[in-house]
Amino acid sequence: MQHMIEARPESVDVDPTRLARIDAWREQQVASGRLAGLATLMLRRGRVIHAGCAGLADRARNRPWNAETICRIYSMTKPLTSLAVLMLYEEGRFQLDDPIARFLPAFGAMRVFVGGSFGAMQTEPALRDITFRDLLTHTAGLTYGFMDSSPVDALYRARGLDFQTSDKTLAELVDLAASLPLLAQPGSAWNYSIATDVLGHLVAVISGQSFADFLQTRILGPLGMRDTGFHVPDAKAARFAGLYMRTADENLLLIDDAETGIFRKERACASGGGGLVSTMADYLRFCRMMLNGGSLDGVRFLGRKTLELMTANHLNGDMAAMGQPRFSESPYTGIGFGLGFSVMLDPARAQILGSPGEYAWGGAASTAFWIDPKEELAVILLTQLLPSSTWPLRRELRVLSYQALQ
């Protein structure tokens, strides 16, 4: 990945000796058996100053991880979907506090779980409608079946409400979601959820295009994200990474093959919450655009003020105070949430290096990115290990990245 480097670290006040600690860390992830392969990249003041990879993308075929490796970014899809929603917001199609039932009537009379068990749920009427803002901030009362912490999660699993594996269409799955009770009253709690998948369907309904087509024609194509999409075509199959999971005996088990897995064919549902595959070069294009105030190479995707609103904290306090003190390997004290990203509020309370106003998110296969406007910094981590809570990779890389700044 050395060909991606555009400037020497010293030229943007980064210590190259300290930065080399990231290289040693990457190699150790593979040598220790933690990961099959991984790649990292750091951008500062508009220039890529550090990039590299280690290990294998596909152990079965002995294919090394390189700059062209395609991987499942899962929830790193969410910021792109949120961008699509706010592009329509800028066209005056809706307001953030508008009820989504204006476009999706099935969400017009939601009920909320208040007690009981899976077979005998007690519910009450929602006190107000779900809004666009609720979906963008994960405060709509929706959930994920894999959370496995509530009878509502169990109901999602029983009904097959899974945007990654279902053979139903996006519209059918969103209608199914509207028929199930909410986990909490809209606006009352932060719960990571299928909200961004519902947003993807709203993009389709409002724009008149399929969600996949909107994303391609309005964002991926103009941004030059050539290898980002909802499946890996045959011509690119040799560049696709395998997906692994840690076993009880500390080995890596292949759980989704690079050539026969579910991302190798077009699927009925384009998941705005976690459906995309991408590459380092592609996701870097998105990060550059965000750091540049919403435009890149003469193309404006979002207005500067909209981007400022998108990356501000929209919660009443941090995520811990809003009901979810931890998700994956990350504690959420001192961290808020904007319109599609986590937002750093207080590094001391979060107990991690960073800057107030930095925004970030990650994916289920241990991928991550963060953007720090104050330091003019973006860092990307790509690997393929499920779940992301297996190792504290993101926190380790954050420390290694920030400690190199001068």
Protein backbone atom coordinates (compact mmCIF):
# COMPACT_ATOMS: atom_id res chain seq x y z
CA MET A 1 0.00 0.00 0.00
CA GLN A 2 3.06 2.22 -0.09
CA HIS A 3 1.94 3.69 -3.41
CA MET A 4 -0.92 5.42 -1.57
CA ILE A 5 1.47 7.55 0.51
CA GLU A 6 1.50 11.19 -0.62
CA ALA A 7 3.74 12.99 1.90
CA ARG A 8 6.36 12.39 4.54
CA PRO A 9 4.99 12.35 8.10
CA GLU A 10 7.38 15.11 9.22
CA SER A 11 5.85 17.48 6.67
CA VAL A 12 2.54 17.42 8.56
CA ASP A 13 3.95 17.27 12.10
CA VAL A 14 3.82 13.53 12.66
CA ASP A 15 6.79 11.68 14.15
CA PRO A 16 7.84 8.91 11.71
CA THR A 17 9.59 6.86 14.41
CA ARG A 18 6.49 6.83 16.58
CA LEU A 19 4.30 6.20 13.53
CA ALA A 20 6.30 3.03 12.81
CA ARG A 21 4.73 1.54 15.94
CA ILE A 22 1.60 1.02 13.82
CA ASP A 23 3.58 -1.17 11.40
CA ALA A 24 4.87 -3.33 14.25
CA TRP A 25 1.35 -3.54 15.71
CA ARG A 26 -0.10 -4.67 12.37
CA GLU A 27 2.50 -7.41 11.99
CA GLN A 28 1.87 -8.56 15.55
CA GLN A 29 -1.87 -8.96 14.90
CA VAL A 30 -1.07 -11.54 12.24
CA ALA A 31 1.91 -13.19 13.95
CA SER A 32 -0.11 -13.72 17.13
CA GLY A 33 -2.99 -15.31 15.22
CA ARG A 34 -5.41 -12.54 16.21
CA LEU A 35 -6.20 -11.68 12.58
CA ALA A 36 -5.70 -13.29 9.18
CA GLY A 37 -4.86 -9.92 7.66
CA LEU A 38 -5.46 -6.21 8.00
CA ALA A 39 -4.69 -2.78 6.57
CA THR A 40 -4.43 0.68 8.12
CA LEU A 41 -4.18 4.18 6.68
CA MET A 42 -3.63 7.67 8.13
CA LEU A 43 -4.46 10.93 6.38
CA ARG A 44 -3.34 14.27 7.83
CA ARG A 45 -3.85 17.78 6.44
CA GLY A 46 -5.10 16.31 3.19
CA ARG A 47 -2.15 13.98 2.60
CA VAL A 48 -1.83 10.22 3.13
CA ILE A 49 1.27 9.86 5.32
CA HIS A 50 1.04 6.24 6.42
CA ALA A 51 -0.51 3.12 4.90
CA GLY A 52 0.26 -0.56 5.08
CA CYS A 53 -1.06 -4.07 5.33
CA ALA A 54 -0.10 -7.43 6.79
CA GLY A 55 -1.20 -11.04 6.48
CA LEU A 56 -3.69 -12.71 4.19
CA ALA A 57 -7.04 -11.62 2.83
CA ASP A 58 -7.91 -15.22 1.92
CA ARG A 59 -6.12 -17.96 3.85
CA ALA A 60 -7.68 -20.78 1.84
CA ARG A 61 -6.09 -19.47 -1.36
CA ASN A 62 -3.02 -17.87 0.22
CA ARG A 63 -3.93 -14.43 -1.15
CA PRO A 64 -2.15 -11.58 0.62
CA TRP A 65 -3.96 -8.52 1.90
CA ASN A 66 -3.08 -5.60 -0.34
CA ALA A 67 -4.26 -2.15 -1.38
CA GLU A 68 -6.89 -3.63 -3.70
CA THR A 69 -8.48 -6.03 -1.18
CA ILE A 70 -12.27 -5.78 -1.01
CA CYS A 71 -13.90 -6.39 2.36
CA ARG A 72 -17.27 -6.31 4.06
CA ILE A 73 -17.60 -2.95 5.79
CA TYR A 74 -20.98 -3.76 7.36
CA SER A 75 -21.99 -0.79 9.55
CA MET A 76 -19.49 1.54 7.92
CA THR A 77 -22.31 1.56 5.33
CA LYS A 78 -24.38 3.63 7.77
CA PRO A 79 -22.54 6.96 7.30
CA LEU A 80 -23.05 6.69 3.52
CA THR A 81 -26.76 6.03 3.97
CA SER A 82 -27.00 8.96 6.38
CA LEU A 83 -25.26 11.14 3.79
CA ALA A 84 -27.88 10.09 1.22
CA VAL A 85 -30.69 11.03 3.62
CA LEU A 86 -29.20 14.47 4.33
CA MET A 87 -28.69 15.14 0.61
CA LEU A 88 -32.47 14.76 0.24
CA TYR A 89 -32.98 16.89 3.35
CA GLU A 90 -31.01 19.67 1.64
CA GLU A 91 -33.42 19.47 -1.30
CA GLY A 92 -36.28 20.40 1.04
CA ARG A 93 -37.97 17.01 0.87
CA PHE A 94 -38.56 16.77 4.64
CA GLN A 95 -37.56 18.22 8.01
CA LEU A 96 -35.59 16.25 10.60
CA ASP A 97 -38.50 16.35 13.06
CA ASP A 98 -41.03 15.16 10.45
CA PRO A 99 -42.74 11.82 11.22
CA ILE A 100 -41.47 9.07 8.92
CA ALA A 101 -45.11 7.94 8.67
CA ARG A 102 -45.53 10.79 6.22
CA PHE A 103 -43.69 8.57 3.73
CA LEU A 104 -44.13 5.15 5.39
CA PRO A 105 -47.72 4.99 6.73
CA ALA A 106 -47.11 1.57 8.33
CA PHE A 107 -45.17 3.39 11.07
CA GLY A 108 -48.18 5.54 11.94
CA ALA A 109 -49.48 3.73 15.03
CA MET A 110 -46.53 2.02 16.69
CA ARG A 111 -46.72 0.16 19.97
CA VAL A 112 -43.95 -0.05 22.55
CA PHE A 113 -42.87 -3.07 24.61
CA VAL A 114 -43.29 -2.45 28.34
CA GLY A 115 -43.02 -5.92 29.87
CA GLY A 116 -43.77 -9.60 29.67
CA SER A 117 -42.04 -12.39 27.79
CA PHE A 118 -41.58 -13.35 24.16
CA GLY A 119 -44.86 -15.27 24.12
CA ALA A 120 -46.87 -12.76 26.13
CA MET A 121 -45.65 -9.23 25.45
CA GLN A 122 -47.25 -6.22 27.08
CA THR A 123 -47.26 -3.07 24.96
CA GLU A 124 -48.53 0.49 25.09
CA PRO A 125 -49.08 3.05 22.33
CA ALA A 126 -46.10 5.15 21.26
CA LEU A 127 -46.32 8.61 22.81
CA ARG A 128 -45.25 10.24 19.56
CA ASP A 129 -44.28 9.36 16.00
CA ILE A 130 -40.80 8.23 14.95
CA THR A 131 -38.96 11.09 13.20
CA PHE A 132 -36.08 11.19 10.73
CA ARG A 133 -33.87 12.46 13.55
CA ASP A 134 -34.80 9.44 15.69
CA LEU A 135 -33.67 7.09 12.93
CA LEU A 136 -30.43 8.99 12.26
CA THR A 137 -29.53 8.98 15.97
CA HIS A 138 -30.70 5.41 16.80
CA THR A 139 -33.30 6.70 19.25
CA ALA A 140 -36.37 5.45 17.35
CA GLY A 141 -36.97 2.46 19.63
CA LEU A 142 -35.92 -0.08 17.00
CA THR A 143 -33.34 -2.79 17.73
CA TYR A 144 -31.35 -5.65 16.17
CA GLY A 145 -32.20 -9.32 16.53
CA PHE A 146 -28.59 -10.16 17.30
CA MET A 147 -28.63 -7.99 20.43
CA ASP A 148 -30.33 -10.87 22.29
CA SER A 149 -31.14 -8.69 25.30
CA SER A 150 -34.91 -8.24 25.05
CA PRO A 151 -38.02 -10.18 24.01
CA VAL A 152 -38.26 -7.67 21.13
CA ASP A 153 -34.88 -8.85 19.84
CA ALA A 154 -36.15 -12.43 20.04
CA LEU A 155 -39.24 -11.43 18.05
CA TYR A 156 -37.01 -9.95 15.32
CA ARG A 157 -35.16 -13.28 15.10
CA ALA A 158 -38.35 -15.32 15.08
CA ARG A 159 -39.83 -13.22 12.28
CA GLY A 160 -36.64 -13.29 10.20
CA LEU A 161 -36.08 -9.55 10.41
CA ASP A 162 -32.46 -9.56 9.24
CA PHE A 163 -31.41 -7.20 6.46
CA GLN A 164 -28.17 -9.13 5.86
CA THR A 165 -29.48 -12.65 5.30
CA SER A 166 -33.13 -12.36 4.26
CA ASP A 167 -34.31 -13.02 0.70
CA LYS A 168 -37.08 -10.44 1.18
CA THR A 169 -36.85 -7.01 -0.45
CA LEU A 170 -35.91 -3.86 1.43
CA ALA A 171 -39.52 -2.66 1.33
CA GLU A 172 -40.84 -6.00 2.66
CA LEU A 173 -38.39 -6.03 5.56
CA VAL A 174 -39.18 -2.42 6.52
CA ASP A 175 -42.91 -3.23 6.48
CA LEU A 176 -42.18 -6.20 8.74
CA ALA A 177 -40.28 -3.93 11.14
CA ALA A 178 -43.26 -1.57 11.30
CA SER A 179 -45.49 -4.47 12.38
CA LEU A 180 -43.39 -5.29 15.47
CA PRO A 181 -43.33 -3.41 18.80
CA LEU A 182 -40.65 -0.87 19.61
CA LEU A 183 -38.10 -1.51 22.33
CA ALA A 184 -38.53 1.97 23.85
CA GLN A 185 -40.54 5.13 23.37
CA PRO A 186 -39.26 7.18 20.37
CA GLY A 187 -36.58 9.63 21.46
CA SER A 188 -36.16 8.18 24.95
CA ALA A 189 -33.12 5.89 24.63
CA TRP A 190 -30.13 5.12 22.40
CA ASN A 191 -30.39 1.59 21.01
CA TYR A 192 -28.25 0.45 18.09
CA SER A 193 -30.69 -0.79 15.50
CA ILE A 194 -32.04 -1.39 12.01
CA ALA A 195 -32.89 2.33 11.88
CA THR A 196 -30.41 2.99 9.06
CA ASP A 197 -31.98 0.22 6.97
CA VAL A 198 -35.31 2.01 7.36
CA LEU A 199 -33.53 5.20 6.23
CA GLY A 200 -32.31 3.40 3.11
CA HIS A 201 -35.90 2.56 2.22
CA LEU A 202 -36.94 6.16 2.90
CA VAL A 203 -34.26 7.30 0.42
CA ALA A 204 -35.90 5.06 -2.19
CA VAL A 205 -39.45 6.24 -1.45
CA ILE A 206 -38.54 9.94 -1.38
CA SER A 207 -36.22 9.92 -4.40
CA GLY A 208 -38.20 7.55 -6.61
CA GLN A 209 -35.05 5.50 -7.25
CA SER A 210 -34.09 2.21 -5.68
CA PHE A 211 -31.78 2.77 -2.72
CA ALA A 212 -28.91 0.99 -4.51
CA ASP A 213 -29.36 3.17 -7.60
CA PHE A 214 -29.49 6.38 -5.57
CA LEU A 215 -26.33 5.47 -3.72
CA GLN A 216 -24.54 4.62 -6.97
CA THR A 217 -25.65 7.63 -9.02
CA ARG A 218 -25.52 10.30 -6.32
CA ILE A 219 -22.64 9.19 -4.05
CA LEU A 220 -20.52 6.20 -5.04
CA GLY A 221 -20.15 7.09 -8.71
CA PRO A 222 -19.44 10.83 -8.25
CA LEU A 223 -17.06 10.11 -5.35
CA GLY A 224 -15.11 7.62 -7.45
CA MET A 225 -15.78 4.71 -5.09
CA ARG A 226 -15.37 2.20 -7.90
CA ASP A 227 -15.15 -0.97 -5.83
CA THR A 228 -17.94 -0.19 -3.36
CA GLY A 229 -21.28 -1.95 -3.80
CA PHE A 230 -23.74 -4.46 -2.40
CA HIS A 231 -22.03 -7.49 -3.88
CA VAL A 232 -18.69 -8.55 -5.40
CA PRO A 233 -18.96 -9.27 -9.15
CA ASP A 234 -17.08 -12.17 -10.74
CA ALA A 235 -14.42 -9.90 -12.23
CA LYS A 236 -13.40 -8.78 -8.71
CA ALA A 237 -13.79 -12.08 -6.85
CA ALA A 238 -10.04 -12.71 -6.58
CA ARG A 239 -9.69 -9.47 -4.58
CA PHE A 240 -12.38 -10.32 -2.00
CA ALA A 241 -11.33 -11.25 1.53
CA GLY A 242 -12.63 -14.17 3.55
CA LEU A 243 -14.50 -13.53 6.81
CA TYR A 244 -13.24 -15.18 9.99
CA MET A 245 -14.25 -15.81 13.57
CA ARG A 246 -12.18 -16.72 16.61
CA THR A 247 -12.84 -20.26 17.89
CA ALA A 248 -12.75 -21.49 21.50
CA ASP A 249 -9.37 -23.14 20.84
CA GLU A 250 -7.97 -19.80 19.62
CA ASN A 251 -7.91 -20.55 15.91
CA LEU A 252 -9.46 -18.57 13.06
CA LEU A 253 -12.49 -20.20 11.45
CA LEU A 254 -13.65 -19.19 7.96
CA ILE A 255 -17.34 -18.29 8.18
CA ASP A 256 -17.94 -16.60 4.79
CA ASP A 257 -15.81 -17.65 1.84
CA ALA A 258 -14.41 -15.10 -0.58
CA GLU A 259 -15.68 -16.98 -3.64
CA THR A 260 -18.87 -18.67 -2.46
CA GLY A 261 -20.19 -16.39 0.30
CA ILE A 262 -23.39 -14.36 0.39
CA PHE A 263 -21.76 -11.18 -0.96
CA ARG A 264 -20.82 -12.91 -4.19
CA LYS A 265 -24.28 -12.57 -5.70
CA GLU A 266 -26.81 -9.79 -5.98
CA ARG A 267 -29.33 -9.86 -3.17
CA ALA A 268 -32.95 -8.77 -2.97
CA CYS A 269 -32.24 -6.32 -0.15
CA ALA A 270 -29.77 -3.45 -0.38
CA SER A 271 -28.98 -2.91 3.31
CA GLY A 272 -28.31 0.70 4.23
CA GLY A 273 -27.32 -0.46 7.69
CA GLY A 274 -24.63 -2.93 6.69
CA GLY A 275 -24.74 -4.13 3.11
CA LEU A 276 -21.69 -2.66 1.42
CA VAL A 277 -18.27 -4.01 0.50
CA SER A 278 -15.46 -1.54 -0.11
CA THR A 279 -11.70 -0.96 -0.26
CA MET A 280 -9.22 1.27 1.50
CA ALA A 281 -8.94 3.60 -1.50
CA ASP A 282 -12.71 3.92 -1.78
CA TYR A 283 -13.42 4.64 1.87
CA LEU A 284 -10.60 7.15 1.85
CA ARG A 285 -12.53 9.08 -0.81
CA PHE A 286 -15.49 9.35 1.55
CA CYS A 287 -13.25 10.50 4.43
CA ARG A 288 -11.56 13.11 2.24
CA MET A 289 -14.94 14.51 1.23
CA MET A 290 -16.08 14.77 4.85
CA LEU A 291 -12.83 16.40 6.00
CA ASN A 292 -13.11 18.81 3.08
CA GLY A 293 -16.44 20.16 4.31
CA GLY A 294 -18.73 18.13 2.05
CA SER A 295 -17.06 18.41 -1.35
CA LEU A 296 -14.30 16.62 -3.27
CA ASP A 297 -12.65 17.30 -6.62
CA GLY A 298 -15.12 20.06 -7.44
CA VAL A 299 -18.24 18.00 -6.63
CA ARG A 300 -20.31 19.08 -3.64
CA PHE A 301 -22.24 16.35 -1.87
CA LEU A 302 -23.35 18.20 1.24
CA GLY A 303 -23.39 21.82 2.36
CA ARG A 304 -20.89 22.88 5.01
CA LYS A 305 -23.56 23.78 7.56
CA THR A 306 -25.38 20.49 7.02
CA LEU A 307 -22.15 18.61 7.63
CA GLU A 308 -21.63 20.59 10.84
CA LEU A 309 -25.12 19.57 11.99
CA MET A 310 -24.52 15.96 10.93
CA THR A 311 -21.38 15.66 13.05
CA ALA A 312 -22.69 17.44 16.16
CA ASN A 313 -23.98 15.51 19.18
CA HIS A 314 -27.78 15.17 19.01
CA LEU A 315 -28.28 13.24 22.24
CA ASN A 316 -29.20 14.55 25.66
CA GLY A 317 -25.73 13.83 27.02
CA ASP A 318 -23.60 10.85 26.01
CA MET A 319 -24.67 7.42 24.79
CA ALA A 320 -24.14 5.89 28.24
CA ALA A 321 -26.66 8.34 29.73
CA MET A 322 -29.10 7.47 26.94
CA GLY A 323 -29.24 3.81 27.90
CA GLN A 324 -26.39 1.95 26.19
CA PRO A 325 -23.16 2.26 28.21
CA ARG A 326 -21.26 -0.13 25.94
CA PHE A 327 -21.43 -1.62 22.45
CA SER A 328 -18.96 -4.03 20.88
CA GLU A 329 -15.58 -3.41 22.55
CA SER A 330 -16.19 0.31 23.15
CA PRO A 331 -17.53 2.00 26.30
CA TYR A 332 -19.76 4.97 25.46
CA THR A 333 -19.21 7.25 28.43
CA GLY A 334 -18.09 10.62 27.05
CA ILE A 335 -19.25 9.79 23.52
CA GLY A 336 -22.40 11.16 21.90
CA PHE A 337 -24.08 10.50 18.58
CA GLY A 338 -24.78 12.70 15.58
CA LEU A 339 -26.75 12.06 12.40
CA GLY A 340 -24.99 8.83 11.48
CA PHE A 341 -21.76 8.87 13.52
CA SER A 342 -20.55 8.61 17.09
CA VAL A 343 -19.19 11.97 18.26
CA MET A 344 -16.41 12.43 20.81
CA LEU A 345 -17.53 14.74 23.63
CA ASP A 346 -14.88 14.28 26.32
CA PRO A 347 -11.74 12.12 25.80
CA ALA A 348 -11.04 12.08 29.55
CA ARG A 349 -14.47 10.64 30.33
CA ALA A 350 -14.17 8.25 27.37
CA GLN A 351 -10.75 7.17 28.66
CA ILE A 352 -9.17 7.24 25.19
CA LEU A 353 -7.04 9.61 23.15
CA GLY A 354 -8.98 11.88 20.81
CA SER A 355 -10.42 15.35 20.28
CA PRO A 356 -13.84 16.79 21.08
CA GLY A 357 -15.83 16.88 17.84
CA GLU A 358 -14.13 13.87 16.25
CA TYR A 359 -16.63 11.51 14.63
CA ALA A 360 -16.41 7.82 13.86
CA TRP A 361 -18.02 4.46 13.36
CA GLY A 362 -17.08 0.84 12.71
CA GLY A 363 -18.35 -2.40 11.24
CA ALA A 364 -19.16 -5.84 12.63
CA ALA A 365 -16.08 -7.41 11.01
CA SER A 366 -13.76 -5.21 13.15
CA THR A 367 -13.40 -2.44 10.55
CA ALA A 368 -13.33 1.17 11.72
CA PHE A 369 -12.69 4.79 10.77
CA TRP A 370 -12.57 8.09 12.54
CA ILE A 371 -12.28 11.68 11.38
CA ASP A 372 -10.81 14.39 13.63
CA PRO A 373 -11.42 17.86 12.15
CA LYS A 374 -9.39 19.58 14.86
CA GLU A 375 -6.27 17.57 13.97
CA GLU A 376 -7.18 17.40 10.25
CA LEU A 377 -6.87 13.65 10.63
CA ALA A 378 -8.58 10.53 9.29
CA VAL A 379 -7.65 6.94 10.13
CA ILE A 380 -9.08 3.77 8.56
CA LEU A 381 -8.76 0.17 9.74
CA LEU A 382 -9.85 -2.71 7.52
CA THR A 383 -9.84 -6.37 8.50
CA GLN A 384 -12.37 -9.25 8.50
CA LEU A 385 -12.97 -10.69 11.97
CA LEU A 386 -16.45 -11.20 13.40
CA PRO A 387 -17.54 -10.01 15.93
CA SER A 388 -15.81 -6.67 16.40
CA SER A 389 -15.76 -7.22 20.16
CA THR A 390 -13.18 -10.02 19.79
CA TRP A 391 -10.21 -7.67 20.26
CA PRO A 392 -9.91 -3.96 21.22
CA LEU A 393 -8.34 -3.18 17.84
CA ARG A 394 -9.92 0.23 17.40
CA ARG A 395 -8.79 1.53 20.77
CA GLU A 396 -5.29 0.15 20.26
CA LEU A 397 -5.00 1.84 16.85
CA ARG A 398 -6.34 5.12 18.22
CA VAL A 399 -3.59 5.26 20.82
CA LEU A 400 -0.92 4.34 18.24
CA SER A 401 -2.19 7.00 15.86
CA TYR A 402 -2.55 9.91 18.26
CA GLN A 403 0.72 9.28 20.09
CA ALA A 404 2.60 9.98 16.86
CA LEU A 405 1.23 13.51 16.45
CA GLN A 406 3.66 16.32 17.23
